[in-house]
Amino acid sequence: MINVSSLIKLLNKNKSDFFTGVPDSVLKELSAALQNQSKKKHIIATSEGSAISIGIGHYLSTKKVPVIYMQNSGLSNALNPLISIAHKKVYSIPLILIIGWRGSPNIKKDEPQHNVKGKITEKILKLLNIKYTIIRSVPDLKKFEKQIKFAKKNNSIVACLIEQKTLEKSKTKSKKKDFYNLNKEIFLKTLINSLKKNTKIISSTGYNSRELMYIREKYNIKNSKDFYMVGGMGHTSSVALGYSLSTKHKTICIDGDGSLLMHLGSIKTLGTFANENLKYILMNNNAHDSVGGQRTYANKINFNKLSKSLGFKKFHIISNKKNLKEKINKFLSERNISFLEVKVANNKINELPRPSNLIEIKNEFMK
């Protein structure tokens, strides 16, 4: 195992002290170690492509090689600026990528979507002509350091792949901060019980889908059907829009603040083209809850003004359980495209299930 401070010291030693990226469960020890850095040293980006671009800007300003961290599933989001701006044959901009390797062939058990991406992660890096090191032990750090020096000398991109349980857990537990108080289980249970039989729910990746699944099983609620976005962060609203346009069924999109911000332009498309059968719910806890609780900074956004400027006709907000059922029913009964912001606390459930038989879930949803 590797102590995250050893990795940071190696990077700082090579004058790479600017970090940007998207939080990842494999790398949460790294983001926890960086959370007290100033914004001149550490920026949590909304997407991996944005993180690459922020890093490019940092290099253009300082001539120092930036460090960009991400989960390997987000490597696809990063491809455009990696290829069309930073690539050796374009602007030849040196970057250091730290990639959490979910679904590594070396790890026996992982989720289906991670297994698919995990098997091709090395192939993607090779196609991009990016030299990389798999970091599993302290000697691998020395190999990675040689590649960092190569990147600086040749103005190229290098990467390291880090598997689950490679980084040592911090002895001091960082407690997640609740920005809001409404319990998500109470809200979701009340919401589901308020839905009519043929209603369809499309929920975002991470805890939203897992909590929805948990509540269905715990309370045996079967009055509507769910499609869990086990991957594709940021694309929940687009899937919901595409589904809702070709059906008369009421379609509920349950999104998260991190997901919304990752591809914010998609909400504009939804606001422009959606019919009144689509209802958009933002579960806003101002945190990347499932990967460590890092802030999204969504608490600074006025979603009333934003949603209306993007095409929504009605805006609703729920921040406590007072008159909860009445507020939910009022939102659901709107005959216009409507946006509901729910200010919720972080997840309070210790053992959440994970969607596993995905083909069965899809087929059941499509019946």
Foldseek 3Di string as FASTA:
>chain_A
DDALVVVQVLCVVLVAQAEEEAFDQQCLNVCVVCVPPDNRRYYYDLAQLVRVVVQQVVCVVPVGAYEYEEELLRVVVNVPCLPAPCALVHPLAEYEYEYEQFLAPVDDDDAPVSVVSNVCSVVVCVVSVAAEFEDQDDVSSVVVSVSSVVCSVSSHYYYYYYYHPRHDDDPDDDDADFPAAAAPLVLLLLLLVLDAQAEEEEEEADPGQLSNVVSCVVVVRRRYAYAYCNDDQLCQLVVQQVVQVPDPHQYEYEYEPSSCSSCVVSLLVCLVDHAQSYEYEYAYRQAPQRNHGDGPPCVPDDVQVVNVVSRFPEEEEARYCVCSNVSSVVRNPDRTHYYYYYHHTHHPDDDTDDDHPNVVSVVVNVD
